[in-house]
Amino acid sequence: QTQAVGKHPFEVIKAHVKDVLTVPDPVVV
């Protein structure tokens, strides 16, 4: 339940993460 990604993590994520996948809560269950 975070509101924003951290600055240091985003440096890595922006450069090296392929994609961010989202999931509806029922699939989490």
PDB file of all heavy atoms in Angstrom:
ATOM      1  N   GLN A   1       0.828  -1.203   0.000  1.00  0.00           N
ATOM      2  CA  GLN A   1       0.000   0.000   0.000  1.00  0.00           C
ATOM      3  C   GLN A   1       0.863   1.255   0.000  1.00  0.00           C
ATOM      4  O   GLN A   1       0.569   2.237   0.670  1.00  0.00           O
ATOM      5  CB  GLN A   1      -0.952  -0.019   1.202  1.00  0.00           C
ATOM      6  CG  GLN A   1      -2.079  -1.036   1.048  1.00  0.00           C
ATOM      7  CD  GLN A   1      -3.047  -1.009   2.214  1.00  0.00           C
ATOM      8  OE1 GLN A   1      -2.714  -1.390   3.337  1.00  0.00           O
ATOM      9  NE2 GLN A   1      -4.249  -0.547   1.960  1.00  0.00           N
ATOM     10  N   THR A   2       1.940   1.213  -0.757  1.00  0.00           N
ATOM     11  CA  THR A   2       2.810   2.374  -0.902  1.00  0.00           C
ATOM     12  C   THR A   2       2.228   3.338  -1.926  1.00  0.00           C
ATOM     13  O   THR A   2       1.502   2.935  -2.832  1.00  0.00           O
ATOM     14  CB  THR A   2       4.214   1.931  -1.344  1.00  0.00           C
ATOM     15  OG1 THR A   2       4.085   1.024  -2.445  1.00  0.00           O
ATOM     16  CG2 THR A   2       4.943   1.228  -0.222  1.00  0.00           C
ATOM     17  N   GLN A   3       2.589   4.598  -1.781  1.00  0.00           N
ATOM     18  CA  GLN A   3       2.061   5.626  -2.687  1.00  0.00           C
ATOM     19  C   GLN A   3       3.010   5.949  -3.826  1.00  0.00           C
ATOM     20  O   GLN A   3       2.587   6.475  -4.860  1.00  0.00           O
ATOM     21  CB  GLN A   3       1.751   6.889  -1.888  1.00  0.00           C
ATOM     22  CG  GLN A   3       0.618   6.707  -0.898  1.00  0.00           C
ATOM     23  CD  GLN A   3       0.366   7.969  -0.105  1.00  0.00           C
ATOM     24  OE1 GLN A   3       0.850   8.119   1.018  1.00  0.00           O
ATOM     25  NE2 GLN A   3      -0.374   8.888  -0.681  1.00  0.00           N
ATOM     26  N   ALA A   4       4.302   5.651  -3.654  1.00  0.00           N
ATOM     27  CA  ALA A   4       5.278   5.961  -4.701  1.00  0.00           C
ATOM     28  C   ALA A   4       6.525   5.121  -4.496  1.00  0.00           C
ATOM     29  O   ALA A   4       6.904   4.817  -3.361  1.00  0.00           O
ATOM     30  CB  ALA A   4       5.640   7.447  -4.686  1.00  0.00           C
ATOM     31  N   VAL A   5       7.164   4.769  -5.583  1.00  0.00           N
ATOM     32  CA  VAL A   5       8.425   4.030  -5.538  1.00  0.00           C
ATOM     33  C   VAL A   5       9.522   4.944  -4.982  1.00  0.00           C
ATOM     34  O   VAL A   5       9.487   6.166  -5.167  1.00  0.00           O
ATOM     35  CB  VAL A   5       8.782   3.509  -6.945  1.00  0.00           C
ATOM     36  CG1 VAL A   5       8.921   4.640  -7.940  1.00  0.00           C
ATOM     37  CG2 VAL A   5      10.065   2.681  -6.927  1.00  0.00           C
ATOM     38  N   GLY A   6      10.499   4.361  -4.294  1.00  0.00           N
ATOM     39  CA  GLY A   6      11.605   5.139  -3.758  1.00  0.00           C
ATOM     40  C   GLY A   6      12.550   5.630  -4.839  1.00  0.00           C
ATOM     41  O   GLY A   6      12.642   5.039  -5.921  1.00  0.00           O
ATOM     42  N   LYS A   7      13.286   6.695  -4.555  1.00  0.00           N
ATOM     43  CA  LYS A   7      14.191   7.291  -5.557  1.00  0.00           C
ATOM     44  C   LYS A   7      15.344   6.359  -5.913  1.00  0.00           C
ATOM     45  O   LYS A   7      15.655   6.170  -7.089  1.00  0.00           O
ATOM     46  CB  LYS A   7      14.729   8.633  -5.031  1.00  0.00           C
ATOM     47  CG  LYS A   7      13.667   9.707  -4.910  1.00  0.00           C
ATOM     48  CD  LYS A   7      14.252  11.016  -4.383  1.00  0.00           C
ATOM     49  CE  LYS A   7      13.173  12.077  -4.232  1.00  0.00           C
ATOM     50  NZ  LYS A   7      13.736  13.361  -3.686  1.00  0.00           N
ATOM     51  N   HIS A   8      15.997   5.779  -4.909  1.00  0.00           N
ATOM     52  CA  HIS A   8      17.109   4.868  -5.184  1.00  0.00           C
ATOM     53  C   HIS A   8      16.644   3.612  -5.917  1.00  0.00           C
ATOM     54  O   HIS A   8      17.264   3.203  -6.908  1.00  0.00           O
ATOM     55  CB  HIS A   8      17.844   4.508  -3.900  1.00  0.00           C
ATOM     56  CG  HIS A   8      18.604   5.644  -3.285  1.00  0.00           C
ATOM     57  ND1 HIS A   8      19.607   6.313  -3.958  1.00  0.00           N
ATOM     58  CD2 HIS A   8      18.518   6.229  -2.066  1.00  0.00           C
ATOM     59  CE1 HIS A   8      20.102   7.260  -3.177  1.00  0.00           C
ATOM     60  NE2 HIS A   8      19.457   7.237  -2.031  1.00  0.00           N
ATOM     61  N   PRO A   9      15.565   2.972  -5.476  1.00  0.00           N
ATOM     62  CA  PRO A   9      15.081   1.819  -6.229  1.00  0.00           C
ATOM     63  C   PRO A   9      14.694   2.157  -7.672  1.00  0.00           C
ATOM     64  O   PRO A   9      14.955   1.369  -8.591  1.00  0.00           O
ATOM     65  CB  PRO A   9      13.855   1.363  -5.435  1.00  0.00           C
ATOM     66  CG  PRO A   9      14.143   1.783  -4.039  1.00  0.00           C
ATOM     67  CD  PRO A   9      14.842   3.115  -4.191  1.00  0.00           C
ATOM     68  N   PHE A  10      14.104   3.334  -7.873  1.00  0.00           N
ATOM     69  CA  PHE A  10      13.637   3.669  -9.221  1.00  0.00           C
ATOM     70  C   PHE A  10      14.789   3.845 -10.199  1.00  0.00           C
ATOM     71  O   PHE A  10      14.634   3.600 -11.397  1.00  0.00           O
ATOM     72  CB  PHE A  10      12.759   4.925  -9.197  1.00  0.00           C
ATOM     73  CG  PHE A  10      12.023   5.153 -10.494  1.00  0.00           C
ATOM     74  CD1 PHE A  10      11.143   4.204 -10.985  1.00  0.00           C
ATOM     75  CD2 PHE A  10      12.208   6.322 -11.227  1.00  0.00           C
ATOM     76  CE1 PHE A  10      10.464   4.403 -12.177  1.00  0.00           C
ATOM     77  CE2 PHE A  10      11.542   6.535 -12.415  1.00  0.00           C
ATOM     78  CZ  PHE A  10      10.663   5.573 -12.901  1.00  0.00           C
ATOM     79  N   GLU A  11      15.955   4.245  -9.710  1.00  0.00           N
ATOM     80  CA  GLU A  11      17.123   4.316 -10.596  1.00  0.00           C
ATOM     81  C   GLU A  11      17.384   2.965 -11.254  1.00  0.00           C
ATOM     82  O   GLU A  11      17.664   2.880 -12.449  1.00  0.00           O
ATOM     83  CB  GLU A  11      18.372   4.736  -9.806  1.00  0.00           C
ATOM     84  CG  GLU A  11      18.399   6.171  -9.346  1.00  0.00           C
ATOM     85  CD  GLU A  11      19.682   6.499  -8.602  1.00  0.00           C
ATOM     86  OE1 GLU A  11      20.349   5.551  -8.112  1.00  0.00           O
ATOM     87  OE2 GLU A  11      20.035   7.670  -8.509  1.00  0.00           O
ATOM     88  N   VAL A  12      17.312   1.917 -10.448  1.00  0.00           N
ATOM     89  CA  VAL A  12      17.542   0.557 -10.950  1.00  0.00           C
ATOM     90  C   VAL A  12      16.376   0.101 -11.810  1.00  0.00           C
ATOM     91  O   VAL A  12      16.561  -0.441 -12.911  1.00  0.00           O
ATOM     92  CB  VAL A  12      17.742  -0.420  -9.770  1.00  0.00           C
ATOM     93  CG1 VAL A  12      17.831  -1.860 -10.270  1.00  0.00           C
ATOM     94  CG2 VAL A  12      18.979  -0.053  -8.970  1.00  0.00           C
ATOM     95  N   ILE A  13      15.170   0.305 -11.316  1.00  0.00           N
ATOM     96  CA  ILE A  13      13.970  -0.179 -12.002  1.00  0.00           C
ATOM     97  C   ILE A  13      13.831   0.452 -13.386  1.00  0.00           C
ATOM     98  O   ILE A  13      13.555  -0.235 -14.376  1.00  0.00           O
ATOM     99  CB  ILE A  13      12.728   0.088 -11.128  1.00  0.00           C
ATOM    100  CG1 ILE A  13      12.802  -0.771  -9.865  1.00  0.00           C
ATOM    101  CG2 ILE A  13      11.434  -0.168 -11.894  1.00  0.00           C
ATOM    102  CD1 ILE A  13      11.879  -0.333  -8.750  1.00  0.00           C
ATOM    103  N   LYS A  14      14.051   1.757 -13.453  1.00  0.00           N
ATOM    104  CA  LYS A  14      13.926   2.462 -14.731  1.00  0.00           C
ATOM    105  C   LYS A  14      14.934   1.947 -15.757  1.00  0.00           C
ATOM    106  O   LYS A  14      14.644   1.843 -16.946  1.00  0.00           O
ATOM    107  CB  LYS A  14      14.109   3.965 -14.507  1.00  0.00           C
ATOM    108  CG  LYS A  14      13.941   4.812 -15.764  1.00  0.00           C
ATOM    109  CD  LYS A  14      13.856   6.297 -15.419  1.00  0.00           C
ATOM    110  CE  LYS A  14      15.116   6.800 -14.753  1.00  0.00           C
ATOM    111  NZ  LYS A  14      15.104   8.278 -14.578  1.00  0.00           N
ATOM    112  N   ALA A  15      16.116   1.579 -15.275  1.00  0.00           N
ATOM    113  CA  ALA A  15      17.182   1.163 -16.186  1.00  0.00           C
ATOM    114  C   ALA A  15      17.131  -0.319 -16.545  1.00  0.00           C
ATOM    115  O   ALA A  15      17.535  -0.698 -17.648  1.00  0.00           O
ATOM    116  CB  ALA A  15      18.543   1.490 -15.562  1.00  0.00           C
ATOM    117  N   HIS A  16      16.640  -1.162 -15.632  1.00  0.00           N
ATOM    118  CA  HIS A  16      16.852  -2.595 -15.817  1.00  0.00           C
ATOM    119  C   HIS A  16      15.623  -3.497 -15.703  1.00  0.00           C
ATOM    120  O   HIS A  16      15.726  -4.689 -15.995  1.00  0.00           O
ATOM    121  CB  HIS A  16      17.908  -3.088 -14.818  1.00  0.00           C
ATOM    122  CG  HIS A  16      19.242  -2.437 -14.982  1.00  0.00           C
ATOM    123  ND1 HIS A  16      19.997  -2.562 -16.128  1.00  0.00           N
ATOM    124  CD2 HIS A  16      19.954  -1.633 -14.139  1.00  0.00           C
ATOM    125  CE1 HIS A  16      21.123  -1.881 -15.994  1.00  0.00           C
ATOM    126  NE2 HIS A  16      21.118  -1.310 -14.800  1.00  0.00           N
ATOM    127  N   VAL A  17      14.481  -2.978 -15.274  1.00  0.00           N
ATOM    128  CA  VAL A  17      13.288  -3.821 -15.152  1.00  0.00           C
ATOM    129  C   VAL A  17      12.517  -3.805 -16.466  1.00  0.00           C
ATOM    130  O   VAL A  17      12.261  -2.738 -17.039  1.00  0.00           O
ATOM    131  CB  VAL A  17      12.400  -3.358 -13.980  1.00  0.00           C
ATOM    132  CG1 VAL A  17      11.034  -4.036 -14.015  1.00  0.00           C
ATOM    133  CG2 VAL A  17      13.099  -3.662 -12.655  1.00  0.00           C
ATOM    134  N   LYS A  18      12.144  -4.990 -16.932  1.00  0.00           N
ATOM    135  CA  LYS A  18      11.453  -5.122 -18.211  1.00  0.00           C
ATOM    136  C   LYS A  18      10.060  -4.513 -18.171  1.00  0.00           C
ATOM    137  O   LYS A  18       9.652  -3.777 -19.067  1.00  0.00           O
ATOM    138  CB  LYS A  18      11.356  -6.609 -18.578  1.00  0.00           C
ATOM    139  CG  LYS A  18      10.588  -6.916 -19.854  1.00  0.00           C
ATOM    140  CD  LYS A  18      11.347  -6.515 -21.084  1.00  0.00           C
ATOM    141  CE  LYS A  18      10.636  -6.996 -22.346  1.00  0.00           C
ATOM    142  NZ  LYS A  18      11.359  -6.598 -23.574  1.00  0.00           N
ATOM    143  N   ASP A  19       9.289  -4.830 -17.117  1.00  0.00           N
ATOM    144  CA  ASP A  19       7.913  -4.360 -17.027  1.00  0.00           C
ATOM    145  C   ASP A  19       7.417  -4.563 -15.602  1.00  0.00           C
ATOM    146  O   ASP A  19       8.013  -5.325 -14.823  1.00  0.00           O
ATOM    147  CB  ASP A  19       7.027  -5.157 -18.002  1.00  0.00           C
ATOM    148  CG  ASP A  19       5.708  -4.457 -18.328  1.00  0.00           C
ATOM    149  OD1 ASP A  19       5.475  -3.352 -17.802  1.00  0.00           O
ATOM    150  OD2 ASP A  19       4.915  -5.041 -19.095  1.00  0.00           O
ATOM    151  N   VAL A  20       6.336  -3.888 -15.253  1.00  0.00           N
ATOM    152  CA  VAL A  20       5.660  -4.108 -13.985  1.00  0.00           C
ATOM    153  C   VAL A  20       4.267  -4.642 -14.296  1.00  0.00           C
ATOM    154  O   VAL A  20       3.493  -4.007 -15.027  1.00  0.00           O
ATOM    155  CB  VAL A  20       5.570  -2.812 -13.149  1.00  0.00           C
ATOM    156  CG1 VAL A  20       4.777  -3.066 -11.864  1.00  0.00           C
ATOM    157  CG2 VAL A  20       6.967  -2.301 -12.800  1.00  0.00           C
ATOM    158  N   LEU A  21       3.962  -5.821 -13.766  1.00  0.00           N
ATOM    159  CA  LEU A  21       2.699  -6.497 -14.027  1.00  0.00           C
ATOM    160  C   LEU A  21       1.744  -6.243 -12.867  1.00  0.00           C
ATOM    161  O   LEU A  21       2.143  -6.300 -11.704  1.00  0.00           O
ATOM    162  CB  LEU A  21       2.939  -8.002 -14.170  1.00  0.00           C
ATOM    163  CG  LEU A  21       4.056  -8.426 -15.135  1.00  0.00           C
ATOM    164  CD1 LEU A  21       4.292  -9.924 -15.056  1.00  0.00           C
ATOM    165  CD2 LEU A  21       3.719  -8.001 -16.557  1.00  0.00           C
ATOM    166  N   THR A  22       0.486  -5.978 -13.177  1.00  0.00           N
ATOM    167  CA  THR A  22      -0.499  -5.753 -12.114  1.00  0.00           C
ATOM    168  C   THR A  22      -1.459  -6.927 -12.028  1.00  0.00           C
ATOM    169  O   THR A  22      -1.688  -7.653 -12.993  1.00  0.00           O
ATOM    170  CB  THR A  22      -1.282  -4.454 -12.336  1.00  0.00           C
ATOM    171  OG1 THR A  22      -1.994  -4.519 -13.573  1.00  0.00           O
ATOM    172  CG2 THR A  22      -0.351  -3.253 -12.344  1.00  0.00           C
ATOM    173  N   VAL A  23      -2.026  -7.081 -10.835  1.00  0.00           N
ATOM    174  CA  VAL A  23      -2.871  -8.235 -10.537  1.00  0.00           C
ATOM    175  C   VAL A  23      -4.101  -7.794  -9.743  1.00  0.00           C
ATOM    176  O   VAL A  23      -3.955  -7.057  -8.766  1.00  0.00           O
ATOM    177  CB  VAL A  23      -2.101  -9.269  -9.684  1.00  0.00           C
ATOM    178  CG1 VAL A  23      -2.885 -10.562  -9.574  1.00  0.00           C
ATOM    179  CG2 VAL A  23      -0.718  -9.527 -10.236  1.00  0.00           C
ATOM    180  N   PRO A  24      -5.303  -8.227 -10.125  1.00  0.00           N
ATOM    181  CA  PRO A  24      -6.481  -7.933  -9.298  1.00  0.00           C
ATOM    182  C   PRO A  24      -6.440  -8.752  -8.019  1.00  0.00           C
ATOM    183  O   PRO A  24      -5.900  -9.867  -7.981  1.00  0.00           O
ATOM    184  CB  PRO A  24      -7.649  -8.351 -10.191  1.00  0.00           C
ATOM    185  CG  PRO A  24      -7.086  -9.349 -11.146  1.00  0.00           C
ATOM    186  CD  PRO A  24      -5.651  -8.966 -11.357  1.00  0.00           C
ATOM    187  N   ASP A  25      -7.024  -8.226  -6.965  1.00  0.00           N
ATOM    188  CA  ASP A  25      -6.998  -8.904  -5.670  1.00  0.00           C
ATOM    189  C   ASP A  25      -7.538 -10.338  -5.709  1.00  0.00           C
ATOM    190  O   ASP A  25      -6.987 -11.218  -5.039  1.00  0.00           O
ATOM    191  CB  ASP A  25      -7.754  -8.079  -4.631  1.00  0.00           C
ATOM    192  CG  ASP A  25      -6.933  -6.900  -4.112  1.00  0.00           C
ATOM    193  OD1 ASP A  25      -5.793  -6.701  -4.590  1.00  0.00           O
ATOM    194  OD2 ASP A  25      -7.431  -6.168  -3.231  1.00  0.00           O
ATOM    195  N   PRO A  26      -8.611 -10.636  -6.471  1.00  0.00           N
ATOM    196  CA  PRO A  26      -9.089 -12.029  -6.491  1.00  0.00           C
ATOM    197  C   PRO A  26      -8.045 -13.026  -6.998  1.00  0.00           C
ATOM    198  O   PRO A  26      -8.032 -14.185  -6.556  1.00  0.00           O
ATOM    199  CB  PRO A  26     -10.302 -11.969  -7.432  1.00  0.00           C
ATOM    200  CG  PRO A  26     -10.803 -10.570  -7.302  1.00  0.00           C
ATOM    201  CD  PRO A  26      -9.558  -9.733  -7.171  1.00  0.00           C
ATOM    202  N   VAL A  27      -7.168 -12.617  -7.894  1.00  0.00           N
ATOM    203  CA  VAL A  27      -6.127 -13.515  -8.383  1.00  0.00           C
ATOM    204  C   VAL A  27      -5.061 -13.720  -7.309  1.00  0.00           C
ATOM    205  O   VAL A  27      -4.457 -14.794  -7.202  1.00  0.00           O
ATOM    206  CB  VAL A  27      -5.512 -12.987  -9.696  1.00  0.00           C
ATOM    207  CG1 VAL A  27      -4.417 -13.927 -10.209  1.00  0.00           C
ATOM    208  CG2 VAL A  27      -6.590 -12.838 -10.762  1.00  0.00           C
ATOM    209  N   VAL A  28      -4.834 -12.694  -6.496  1.00  0.00           N
ATOM    210  CA  VAL A  28      -3.922 -12.846  -5.363  1.00  0.00           C
ATOM    211  C   VAL A  28      -4.461 -13.920  -4.412  1.00  0.00           C
ATOM    212  O   VAL A  28      -3.710 -14.784  -3.939  1.00  0.00           O
ATOM    213  CB  VAL A  28      -3.739 -11.516  -4.616  1.00  0.00           C
ATOM    214  CG1 VAL A  28      -2.934 -11.718  -3.333  1.00  0.00           C
ATOM    215  CG2 VAL A  28      -3.041 -10.491  -5.513  1.00  0.00           C
ATOM    216  N   VAL A  29      -5.755 -13.898  -4.157  1.00  0.00           N
ATOM    217  CA  VAL A  29      -6.371 -14.918  -3.300  1.00  0.00           C
ATOM    218  C   VAL A  29      -6.223 -16.294  -3.940  1.00  0.00           C
ATOM    219  O   VAL A  29      -5.944 -17.293  -3.257  1.00  0.00           O
ATOM    220  CB  VAL A  29      -7.855 -14.585  -3.030  1.00  0.00           C
ATOM    221  CG1 VAL A  29      -8.533 -15.721  -2.274  1.00  0.00           C
ATOM    222  CG2 VAL A  29      -7.972 -13.289  -2.241  1.00  0.00           C
TER     223      VAL A  29
END
